[in-house]
């Protein structure tokens, strides 16, 4: 079984932190906190607005692709119905038109949904600034609360006491950052 690289990196970071703080932890308590990413995403209003904008744009792209696909299918069906009565020249013309329409649909799909396509770039533009704000809020809460370690639960590593959950404080901080 192969361990995902991100999980392995997370485990190594946690192990390094535990090792680094182990001598300090014996002399004084190690203060650790965590943030539940899912709760941040569900309760941070800016995240919700970005998600709504993303869904609106995604739906528009998918609708346009579906419209192009439907037009192509109708063209193919019409061609199939008339194929036997068309001259060789007209058949070649229609087939070329169908190929062009198919290539147009393929190009549109690649441009929007392909690697580094419009969808991927749009999602990054919407999410990256929010991730930076969440990171800044976590940092401020950690400094204000004198925490030694604060990490997110995105990787789902280990067990953590609920008393270390800083999610509500981070949400409060995000609200003050947005004002």
N, C-alpha and C. Protein backbone atom coordinates (compact mmCIF):
# COMPACT_ATOMS: atom_id res chain seq x y z
N UNK A 1 0.85 -1.18 0.00
CA UNK A 1 0.00 0.00 0.00
C UNK A 1 0.89 1.23 0.00
N UNK A 2 0.63 2.16 -0.90
CA UNK A 2 1.42 3.36 -1.04
C UNK A 2 0.81 4.48 -0.21
N UNK A 3 1.63 5.14 0.62
CA UNK A 3 1.18 6.26 1.43
C UNK A 3 1.27 7.53 0.59
N UNK A 4 0.18 8.32 0.49
CA UNK A 4 0.23 9.56 -0.29
C UNK A 4 1.33 10.47 0.22
N UNK A 5 2.00 11.16 -0.69
CA UNK A 5 3.13 12.00 -0.35
C UNK A 5 2.74 13.08 0.66
N UNK A 6 1.56 13.66 0.52
CA UNK A 6 1.11 14.72 1.42
C UNK A 6 0.95 14.19 2.85
N UNK A 7 0.39 12.99 2.98
CA UNK A 7 0.21 12.39 4.30
C UNK A 7 1.57 12.08 4.92
N UNK A 8 2.47 11.55 4.12
CA UNK A 8 3.81 11.24 4.60
C UNK A 8 4.51 12.50 5.08
N UNK A 9 4.40 13.58 4.29
CA UNK A 9 5.01 14.85 4.67
C UNK A 9 4.40 15.35 5.98
N UNK A 10 3.09 15.24 6.12
CA UNK A 10 2.42 15.65 7.36
C UNK A 10 2.92 14.87 8.57
N UNK A 11 3.07 13.56 8.39
CA UNK A 11 3.57 12.72 9.48
C UNK A 11 5.00 13.11 9.86
N UNK A 12 5.82 13.40 8.85
CA UNK A 12 7.20 13.80 9.13
C UNK A 12 7.25 15.13 9.87
N UNK A 13 6.40 16.07 9.48
CA UNK A 13 6.36 17.37 10.15
C UNK A 13 5.95 17.19 11.62
N UNK A 14 4.88 16.41 11.83
CA UNK A 14 4.43 16.17 13.20
C UNK A 14 5.52 15.49 14.02
N UNK A 15 6.16 14.48 13.44
CA UNK A 15 7.23 13.77 14.15
C UNK A 15 8.38 14.73 14.50
N UNK A 16 8.74 15.58 13.54
CA UNK A 16 9.82 16.54 13.78
C UNK A 16 9.44 17.53 14.89
N UNK A 17 8.19 17.99 14.87
CA UNK A 17 7.73 18.92 15.90
C UNK A 17 7.72 18.27 17.28
N UNK A 18 7.23 17.04 17.33
CA UNK A 18 7.20 16.33 18.61
C UNK A 18 8.62 16.14 19.13
N UNK A 19 9.53 15.74 18.24
CA UNK A 19 10.92 15.54 18.64
C UNK A 19 11.55 16.86 19.08
N UNK A 20 11.32 17.92 18.31
CA UNK A 20 11.92 19.22 18.62
C UNK A 20 11.43 19.77 19.96
N UNK A 21 10.15 19.54 20.24
CA UNK A 21 9.58 20.08 21.46
C UNK A 21 9.61 19.10 22.63
N UNK A 22 10.12 17.90 22.40
CA UNK A 22 10.05 16.88 23.46
C UNK A 22 10.82 17.30 24.70
N UNK A 23 12.01 17.91 24.54
CA UNK A 23 12.75 18.34 25.71
C UNK A 23 12.04 19.51 26.39
N UNK A 24 11.49 20.39 25.61
CA UNK A 24 10.75 21.52 26.17
C UNK A 24 9.46 21.03 26.82
N UNK A 25 8.83 20.03 26.21
CA UNK A 25 7.55 19.52 26.71
C UNK A 25 7.71 18.89 28.08
N UNK A 26 8.87 18.29 28.35
CA UNK A 26 9.05 17.69 29.67
C UNK A 26 9.23 18.76 30.74
N UNK A 27 9.82 19.90 30.37
CA UNK A 27 10.02 20.98 31.33
C UNK A 27 8.74 21.80 31.49
N UNK A 28 8.02 21.98 30.42
CA UNK A 28 6.77 22.72 30.46
C UNK A 28 5.81 22.10 29.46
N UNK A 29 4.52 22.29 29.66
CA UNK A 29 3.53 21.68 28.77
C UNK A 29 3.62 22.23 27.37
N UNK A 30 3.51 21.36 26.41
CA UNK A 30 3.49 21.75 25.01
C UNK A 30 2.08 22.16 24.65
N UNK A 31 1.89 23.36 24.18
CA UNK A 31 0.56 23.86 23.85
C UNK A 31 0.32 23.65 22.36
N UNK A 32 -0.63 22.77 22.07
CA UNK A 32 -0.94 22.42 20.68
C UNK A 32 -2.38 22.77 20.41
N UNK A 33 -2.65 23.27 19.22
CA UNK A 33 -4.01 23.56 18.79
C UNK A 33 -4.23 23.03 17.39
N UNK A 34 -5.48 22.87 17.04
CA UNK A 34 -5.79 22.44 15.68
C UNK A 34 -7.01 23.18 15.17
N UNK A 35 -7.13 23.19 13.86
CA UNK A 35 -8.24 23.85 13.19
C UNK A 35 -8.89 22.84 12.26
N UNK A 36 -10.20 22.76 12.31
CA UNK A 36 -10.95 21.86 11.41
C UNK A 36 -11.27 22.60 10.13
N UNK A 37 -10.59 22.23 9.06
CA UNK A 37 -10.76 22.89 7.77
C UNK A 37 -12.21 22.88 7.30
N UNK A 38 -12.89 21.77 7.50
CA UNK A 38 -14.27 21.65 7.03
C UNK A 38 -15.19 22.66 7.72
N UNK A 39 -14.95 22.93 9.00
CA UNK A 39 -15.77 23.89 9.73
C UNK A 39 -15.47 25.32 9.23
N UNK A 40 -14.20 25.59 8.95
CA UNK A 40 -13.83 26.90 8.39
C UNK A 40 -14.56 27.09 7.06
N UNK A 41 -14.48 26.10 6.19
CA UNK A 41 -15.12 26.20 4.87
C UNK A 41 -16.63 26.36 4.99
N UNK A 42 -17.23 25.69 5.96
CA UNK A 42 -18.68 25.76 6.13
C UNK A 42 -19.15 27.06 6.78
N UNK A 43 -18.29 27.73 7.55
CA UNK A 43 -18.73 28.88 8.33
C UNK A 43 -18.09 30.21 7.96
N UNK A 44 -17.08 30.20 7.15
CA UNK A 44 -16.42 31.44 6.73
C UNK A 44 -17.20 31.99 5.54
N UNK A 45 -17.86 33.13 5.74
CA UNK A 45 -18.76 33.68 4.71
C UNK A 45 -18.07 33.97 3.39
N UNK A 46 -16.84 34.44 3.43
CA UNK A 46 -16.11 34.71 2.19
C UNK A 46 -15.88 33.42 1.40
N UNK A 47 -15.66 32.33 2.11
CA UNK A 47 -15.47 31.03 1.45
C UNK A 47 -16.77 30.61 0.77
N UNK A 48 -17.88 30.81 1.47
CA UNK A 48 -19.18 30.46 0.91
C UNK A 48 -19.48 31.29 -0.35
N UNK A 49 -19.17 32.59 -0.31
CA UNK A 49 -19.39 33.44 -1.49
C UNK A 49 -18.51 32.99 -2.65
N UNK A 50 -17.28 32.64 -2.38
CA UNK A 50 -16.37 32.17 -3.44
C UNK A 50 -16.89 30.86 -4.02
N UNK A 51 -17.40 29.98 -3.16
CA UNK A 51 -17.95 28.71 -3.63
C UNK A 51 -19.18 28.93 -4.51
N UNK A 52 -20.03 29.87 -4.12
CA UNK A 52 -21.22 30.19 -4.93
C UNK A 52 -20.81 30.75 -6.29
N UNK A 53 -19.82 31.63 -6.30
CA UNK A 53 -19.33 32.19 -7.56
C UNK A 53 -18.75 31.08 -8.43
N UNK A 54 -17.97 30.18 -7.83
CA UNK A 54 -17.38 29.06 -8.55
C UNK A 54 -18.48 28.19 -9.17
N UNK A 55 -19.50 27.86 -8.40
CA UNK A 55 -20.58 27.01 -8.90
C UNK A 55 -21.33 27.68 -10.05
N UNK A 56 -21.54 28.99 -9.97
CA UNK A 56 -22.22 29.72 -11.05
C UNK A 56 -21.40 29.64 -12.34
N UNK A 57 -20.11 29.90 -12.22
CA UNK A 57 -19.25 29.85 -13.41
C UNK A 57 -19.13 28.44 -13.96
N UNK A 58 -18.97 27.46 -13.08
CA UNK A 58 -18.86 26.06 -13.51
C UNK A 58 -20.12 25.63 -14.25
N UNK A 59 -21.27 26.00 -13.73
CA UNK A 59 -22.53 25.63 -14.37
C UNK A 59 -22.65 26.28 -15.75
N UNK A 60 -22.24 27.53 -15.88
CA UNK A 60 -22.28 28.21 -17.18
C UNK A 60 -21.39 27.50 -18.19
N UNK A 61 -20.19 27.08 -17.77
CA UNK A 61 -19.29 26.35 -18.68
C UNK A 61 -19.89 25.01 -19.08
N UNK A 62 -20.44 24.32 -18.09
CA UNK A 62 -21.03 23.01 -18.39
C UNK A 62 -22.25 23.15 -19.29
N UNK A 63 -23.06 24.20 -19.07
CA UNK A 63 -24.22 24.43 -19.94
C UNK A 63 -23.79 24.71 -21.37
N UNK A 64 -22.74 25.52 -21.52
CA UNK A 64 -22.26 25.82 -22.87
C UNK A 64 -21.73 24.55 -23.55
N UNK A 65 -21.01 23.73 -22.80
CA UNK A 65 -20.50 22.46 -23.36
C UNK A 65 -21.67 21.56 -23.74
N UNK A 66 -22.71 21.51 -22.92
CA UNK A 66 -23.88 20.67 -23.21
C UNK A 66 -24.60 21.19 -24.46
N UNK A 67 -24.69 22.50 -24.61
CA UNK A 67 -25.32 23.08 -25.79
C UNK A 67 -24.54 22.71 -27.05
N UNK A 68 -23.22 22.81 -26.97
CA UNK A 68 -22.37 22.44 -28.11
C UNK A 68 -22.53 20.95 -28.42
N UNK A 69 -22.56 20.12 -27.39
CA UNK A 69 -22.72 18.67 -27.58
C UNK A 69 -24.07 18.36 -28.22
N UNK A 70 -25.11 19.02 -27.76
CA UNK A 70 -26.45 18.78 -28.31
C UNK A 70 -26.51 19.19 -29.78
N UNK A 71 -25.93 20.32 -30.11
CA UNK A 71 -25.92 20.77 -31.51
C UNK A 71 -25.16 19.78 -32.38
N UNK A 72 -24.06 19.26 -31.87
CA UNK A 72 -23.29 18.26 -32.60
C UNK A 72 -24.11 16.99 -32.82
N UNK A 73 -24.78 16.52 -31.76
CA UNK A 73 -25.58 15.29 -31.88
C UNK A 73 -26.73 15.48 -32.86
N UNK A 74 -27.35 16.63 -32.84
CA UNK A 74 -28.44 16.91 -33.79
C UNK A 74 -27.91 16.91 -35.23
N UNK A 75 -26.72 17.48 -35.41
CA UNK A 75 -26.11 17.52 -36.74
C UNK A 75 -25.81 16.09 -37.22
N UNK A 76 -25.29 15.27 -36.32
CA UNK A 76 -24.97 13.87 -36.66
C UNK A 76 -26.25 13.11 -37.01
N UNK A 77 -27.28 13.29 -36.21
CA UNK A 77 -28.56 12.60 -36.47
C UNK A 77 -29.14 13.01 -37.82
N UNK A 78 -29.11 14.30 -38.10
CA UNK A 78 -29.63 14.79 -39.38
C UNK A 78 -28.82 14.22 -40.55
N UNK A 79 -27.52 14.17 -40.37
CA UNK A 79 -26.66 13.60 -41.41
C UNK A 79 -26.99 12.13 -41.63
N UNK A 80 -27.14 11.38 -40.53
CA UNK A 80 -27.45 9.95 -40.64
C UNK A 80 -28.77 9.72 -41.38
N UNK A 81 -29.73 10.58 -41.16
CA UNK A 81 -31.03 10.44 -41.83
C UNK A 81 -30.91 10.70 -43.34
N UNK A 82 -30.06 11.65 -43.71
CA UNK A 82 -29.97 12.07 -45.11
C UNK A 82 -28.79 11.45 -45.87
N UNK A 83 -27.95 10.73 -45.19
CA UNK A 83 -26.71 10.22 -45.76
C UNK A 83 -26.92 9.47 -47.09
N UNK A 84 -27.95 8.65 -47.16
CA UNK A 84 -28.16 7.82 -48.34
C UNK A 84 -28.61 8.62 -49.57
N UNK A 85 -29.23 9.75 -49.35
CA UNK A 85 -29.72 10.53 -50.49
C UNK A 85 -28.78 11.67 -50.88
N UNK A 86 -27.72 11.89 -50.10
CA UNK A 86 -26.78 12.97 -50.40
C UNK A 86 -25.77 12.52 -51.45
N UNK A 87 -25.34 13.47 -52.24
CA UNK A 87 -24.27 13.18 -53.19
C UNK A 87 -22.97 12.99 -52.41
N UNK A 88 -21.99 12.39 -53.05
CA UNK A 88 -20.68 12.15 -52.42
C UNK A 88 -20.07 13.47 -51.93
N UNK A 89 -20.18 14.49 -52.73
CA UNK A 89 -19.63 15.81 -52.38
C UNK A 89 -20.34 16.39 -51.14
N UNK A 90 -21.67 16.31 -51.11
CA UNK A 90 -22.44 16.81 -49.96
C UNK A 90 -22.13 16.00 -48.71
N UNK A 91 -21.95 14.69 -48.84
CA UNK A 91 -21.59 13.85 -47.68
C UNK A 91 -20.25 14.31 -47.10
N UNK A 92 -19.28 14.51 -47.98
CA UNK A 92 -17.95 14.96 -47.51
C UNK A 92 -18.05 16.33 -46.83
N UNK A 93 -18.87 17.21 -47.38
CA UNK A 93 -19.06 18.53 -46.77
C UNK A 93 -19.66 18.41 -45.37
N UNK A 94 -20.70 17.61 -45.26
CA UNK A 94 -21.36 17.42 -43.94
C UNK A 94 -20.42 16.76 -42.95
N UNK A 95 -19.68 15.75 -43.40
CA UNK A 95 -18.72 15.07 -42.52
C UNK A 95 -17.65 16.04 -42.04
N UNK A 96 -17.18 16.90 -42.93
CA UNK A 96 -16.18 17.91 -42.56
C UNK A 96 -16.77 18.88 -41.54
N UNK A 97 -18.02 19.27 -41.75
CA UNK A 97 -18.69 20.17 -40.81
C UNK A 97 -18.84 19.51 -39.45
N UNK A 98 -19.19 18.24 -39.45
CA UNK A 98 -19.32 17.49 -38.18
C UNK A 98 -17.97 17.40 -37.49
N UNK A 99 -16.92 17.10 -38.24
CA UNK A 99 -15.56 17.02 -37.64
C UNK A 99 -15.17 18.36 -37.04
N UNK A 100 -15.45 19.43 -37.76
CA UNK A 100 -15.12 20.77 -37.27
C UNK A 100 -15.88 21.07 -35.97
N UNK A 101 -17.15 20.72 -35.95
CA UNK A 101 -17.98 20.93 -34.75
C UNK A 101 -17.43 20.10 -33.58
N UNK A 102 -17.03 18.85 -33.84
CA UNK A 102 -16.46 17.98 -32.80
C UNK A 102 -15.14 18.56 -32.29
N UNK A 103 -14.30 19.02 -33.20
CA UNK A 103 -13.02 19.63 -32.81
C UNK A 103 -13.25 20.90 -31.98
N UNK A 104 -14.27 21.67 -32.34
CA UNK A 104 -14.61 22.87 -31.58
C UNK A 104 -15.03 22.50 -30.15
N UNK A 105 -15.86 21.48 -30.04
CA UNK A 105 -16.28 21.02 -28.71
C UNK A 105 -15.08 20.52 -27.90
N UNK A 106 -14.22 19.72 -28.53
CA UNK A 106 -13.03 19.21 -27.83
C UNK A 106 -12.12 20.35 -27.38
N UNK A 107 -11.91 21.33 -28.26
CA UNK A 107 -11.06 22.48 -27.91
C UNK A 107 -11.66 23.26 -26.75
N UNK A 108 -12.97 23.47 -26.79
CA UNK A 108 -13.65 24.19 -25.70
C UNK A 108 -13.47 23.44 -24.38
N UNK A 109 -13.69 22.14 -24.40
CA UNK A 109 -13.56 21.32 -23.19
C UNK A 109 -12.14 21.39 -22.64
N UNK A 110 -11.15 21.28 -23.50
CA UNK A 110 -9.75 21.37 -23.05
C UNK A 110 -9.44 22.75 -22.49
N UNK A 111 -9.90 23.80 -23.19
CA UNK A 111 -9.63 25.19 -22.77
C UNK A 111 -10.24 25.48 -21.40
N UNK A 112 -11.43 24.97 -21.16
CA UNK A 112 -12.10 25.26 -19.89
C UNK A 112 -11.70 24.29 -18.79
N UNK A 113 -11.79 22.99 -19.07
CA UNK A 113 -11.65 21.99 -18.01
C UNK A 113 -10.31 21.26 -18.02
N UNK A 114 -9.46 21.50 -19.02
CA UNK A 114 -8.18 20.82 -19.11
C UNK A 114 -7.18 21.34 -18.09
N UNK A 115 -6.00 20.73 -18.07
CA UNK A 115 -4.95 21.19 -17.15
C UNK A 115 -4.64 22.66 -17.39
N UNK A 116 -4.56 23.42 -16.33
CA UNK A 116 -4.32 24.86 -16.37
C UNK A 116 -5.37 25.59 -17.21
N UNK A 117 -6.56 25.01 -17.26
CA UNK A 117 -7.66 25.62 -18.02
C UNK A 117 -8.33 26.73 -17.23
N UNK A 118 -9.30 27.32 -17.85
CA UNK A 118 -10.02 28.44 -17.24
C UNK A 118 -10.62 28.06 -15.89
N UNK A 119 -11.18 26.87 -15.79
CA UNK A 119 -11.80 26.44 -14.53
C UNK A 119 -10.76 26.35 -13.41
N UNK A 120 -9.64 25.74 -13.70
CA UNK A 120 -8.59 25.60 -12.69
C UNK A 120 -8.06 26.96 -12.25
N UNK A 121 -7.80 27.83 -13.22
CA UNK A 121 -7.28 29.17 -12.90
C UNK A 121 -8.30 29.99 -12.11
N UNK A 122 -9.57 29.88 -12.47
CA UNK A 122 -10.62 30.62 -11.76
C UNK A 122 -10.72 30.13 -10.31
N UNK A 123 -10.68 28.82 -10.13
CA UNK A 123 -10.76 28.29 -8.78
C UNK A 123 -9.57 28.78 -7.94
N UNK A 124 -8.39 28.79 -8.51
CA UNK A 124 -7.22 29.29 -7.79
C UNK A 124 -7.39 30.76 -7.42
N UNK A 125 -7.90 31.57 -8.36
CA UNK A 125 -8.10 33.00 -8.09
C UNK A 125 -9.10 33.22 -6.96
N UNK A 126 -10.07 32.35 -6.87
CA UNK A 126 -11.09 32.49 -5.82
C UNK A 126 -10.58 31.97 -4.47
N UNK A 127 -9.83 30.87 -4.47
CA UNK A 127 -9.47 30.19 -3.23
C UNK A 127 -8.16 30.66 -2.61
N UNK A 128 -7.14 30.94 -3.41
CA UNK A 128 -5.84 31.29 -2.84
C UNK A 128 -5.88 32.48 -1.88
N UNK A 129 -6.56 33.58 -2.20
CA UNK A 129 -6.61 34.68 -1.23
C UNK A 129 -7.29 34.27 0.08
N UNK A 130 -8.28 33.39 -0.02
CA UNK A 130 -8.96 32.94 1.20
C UNK A 130 -8.04 32.06 2.03
N UNK A 131 -7.28 31.19 1.39
CA UNK A 131 -6.33 30.35 2.12
C UNK A 131 -5.28 31.19 2.82
N UNK A 132 -4.85 32.27 2.17
CA UNK A 132 -3.88 33.17 2.80
C UNK A 132 -4.49 33.84 4.03
N UNK A 133 -5.76 34.24 3.95
CA UNK A 133 -6.43 34.88 5.09
C UNK A 133 -6.61 33.88 6.24
N UNK A 134 -6.99 32.66 5.91
CA UNK A 134 -7.15 31.63 6.94
C UNK A 134 -5.80 31.39 7.61
N UNK A 135 -4.75 31.29 6.83
CA UNK A 135 -3.41 31.09 7.38
C UNK A 135 -3.02 32.24 8.30
N UNK A 136 -3.31 33.46 7.89
CA UNK A 136 -2.99 34.63 8.72
C UNK A 136 -3.80 34.61 10.03
N UNK A 137 -5.07 34.25 9.94
CA UNK A 137 -5.91 34.16 11.15
C UNK A 137 -5.39 33.09 12.09
N UNK A 138 -4.97 31.95 11.55
CA UNK A 138 -4.41 30.87 12.38
C UNK A 138 -3.15 31.37 13.07
N UNK A 139 -2.30 32.06 12.33
CA UNK A 139 -1.05 32.58 12.89
C UNK A 139 -1.35 33.56 14.03
N UNK A 140 -2.30 34.47 13.82
CA UNK A 140 -2.64 35.45 14.86
C UNK A 140 -3.19 34.77 16.12
N UNK A 141 -4.08 33.81 15.93
CA UNK A 141 -4.65 33.09 17.07
C UNK A 141 -3.54 32.33 17.80
N UNK A 142 -2.63 31.71 17.06
CA UNK A 142 -1.54 30.96 17.68
C UNK A 142 -0.63 31.88 18.50
N UNK A 143 -0.31 33.04 17.95
CA UNK A 143 0.56 33.98 18.66
C UNK A 143 -0.14 34.53 19.89
N UNK A 144 -1.40 34.95 19.72
CA UNK A 144 -2.16 35.51 20.84
C UNK A 144 -2.39 34.48 21.94
N UNK A 145 -2.59 33.23 21.55
CA UNK A 145 -2.85 32.18 22.54
C UNK A 145 -1.60 31.49 23.04
N UNK A 146 -0.44 31.95 22.59
CA UNK A 146 0.84 31.37 22.99
C UNK A 146 0.89 29.87 22.73
N UNK A 147 0.44 29.46 21.54
CA UNK A 147 0.46 28.04 21.16
C UNK A 147 1.82 27.70 20.58
N UNK A 148 2.28 26.50 20.90
CA UNK A 148 3.52 26.02 20.33
C UNK A 148 3.30 25.46 18.93
N UNK A 149 2.20 24.76 18.73
CA UNK A 149 1.90 24.14 17.45
C UNK A 149 0.41 24.26 17.19
N UNK A 150 0.06 24.68 15.98
CA UNK A 150 -1.33 24.68 15.53
C UNK A 150 -1.29 24.10 14.13
N UNK A 151 -2.08 23.10 13.89
CA UNK A 151 -2.13 22.53 12.55
C UNK A 151 -3.57 22.27 12.16
N UNK A 152 -3.78 22.05 10.88
CA UNK A 152 -5.13 21.81 10.39
C UNK A 152 -5.39 20.31 10.32
N UNK A 153 -6.65 19.97 10.30
CA UNK A 153 -7.04 18.56 10.26
C UNK A 153 -7.20 18.04 8.83
N UNK A 154 -6.83 18.84 7.85
CA UNK A 154 -7.01 18.46 6.45
C UNK A 154 -6.41 17.10 6.16
N UNK A 155 -5.26 16.81 6.73
CA UNK A 155 -4.63 15.52 6.48
C UNK A 155 -5.24 14.41 7.33
N UNK A 156 -6.03 14.78 8.33
CA UNK A 156 -6.70 13.79 9.17
C UNK A 156 -5.76 12.97 10.03
N UNK A 157 -4.67 13.57 10.48
CA UNK A 157 -3.68 12.83 11.26
C UNK A 157 -4.08 12.70 12.72
N UNK A 158 -4.01 11.49 13.25
CA UNK A 158 -4.08 11.23 14.68
C UNK A 158 -5.33 11.67 15.42
N UNK A 159 -5.19 11.65 16.73
CA UNK A 159 -6.26 12.03 17.66
C UNK A 159 -5.84 13.29 18.39
N UNK A 160 -6.79 14.17 18.56
CA UNK A 160 -6.52 15.42 19.26
C UNK A 160 -7.70 15.72 20.18
N UNK A 161 -7.39 16.11 21.39
CA UNK A 161 -8.45 16.49 22.34
C UNK A 161 -9.21 17.68 21.80
N UNK A 162 -10.51 17.65 21.99
CA UNK A 162 -11.36 18.75 21.52
C UNK A 162 -11.02 20.09 22.20
N UNK A 163 -10.43 20.03 23.37
CA UNK A 163 -10.10 21.28 24.08
C UNK A 163 -9.06 22.10 23.33
N UNK A 164 -8.37 21.51 22.37
CA UNK A 164 -7.37 22.23 21.59
C UNK A 164 -7.94 22.82 20.30
N UNK A 165 -9.22 22.67 20.05
CA UNK A 165 -9.83 23.15 18.82
C UNK A 165 -9.92 24.68 18.82
N UNK A 166 -9.29 25.31 17.86
CA UNK A 166 -9.27 26.77 17.74
C UNK A 166 -10.19 27.28 16.64
N UNK A 167 -10.98 26.42 16.06
CA UNK A 167 -11.79 26.77 14.89
C UNK A 167 -12.68 27.98 15.14
N UNK A 168 -13.38 28.00 16.26
CA UNK A 168 -14.28 29.12 16.55
C UNK A 168 -13.52 30.44 16.68
N UNK A 169 -12.35 30.38 17.33
CA UNK A 169 -11.55 31.59 17.47
C UNK A 169 -11.04 32.07 16.11
N UNK A 170 -10.64 31.13 15.24
CA UNK A 170 -10.18 31.51 13.90
C UNK A 170 -11.33 32.13 13.12
N UNK A 171 -12.53 31.55 13.23
CA UNK A 171 -13.69 32.14 12.55
C UNK A 171 -13.95 33.56 13.05
N UNK A 172 -13.86 33.77 14.36
CA UNK A 172 -14.05 35.11 14.90
C UNK A 172 -12.99 36.06 14.35
N UNK A 173 -11.75 35.58 14.29
CA UNK A 173 -10.66 36.41 13.79
C UNK A 173 -10.88 36.73 12.31
N UNK A 174 -11.35 35.76 11.55
CA UNK A 174 -11.63 36.00 10.13
C UNK A 174 -12.67 37.10 9.97
N UNK A 175 -13.67 37.11 10.83
CA UNK A 175 -14.71 38.13 10.75
C UNK A 175 -14.12 39.51 11.02
N UNK A 176 -13.19 39.61 11.96
CA UNK A 176 -12.58 40.92 12.24
C UNK A 176 -11.62 41.32 11.12
N UNK A 177 -10.99 40.34 10.45
CA UNK A 177 -10.11 40.66 9.33
C UNK A 177 -10.89 41.15 8.13
N UNK A 178 -12.13 40.69 7.99
CA UNK A 178 -12.95 41.06 6.83
C UNK A 178 -13.60 42.41 6.98
N UNK A 179 -13.53 43.00 8.15
CA UNK A 179 -14.20 44.30 8.38
C UNK A 179 -13.33 45.44 7.89
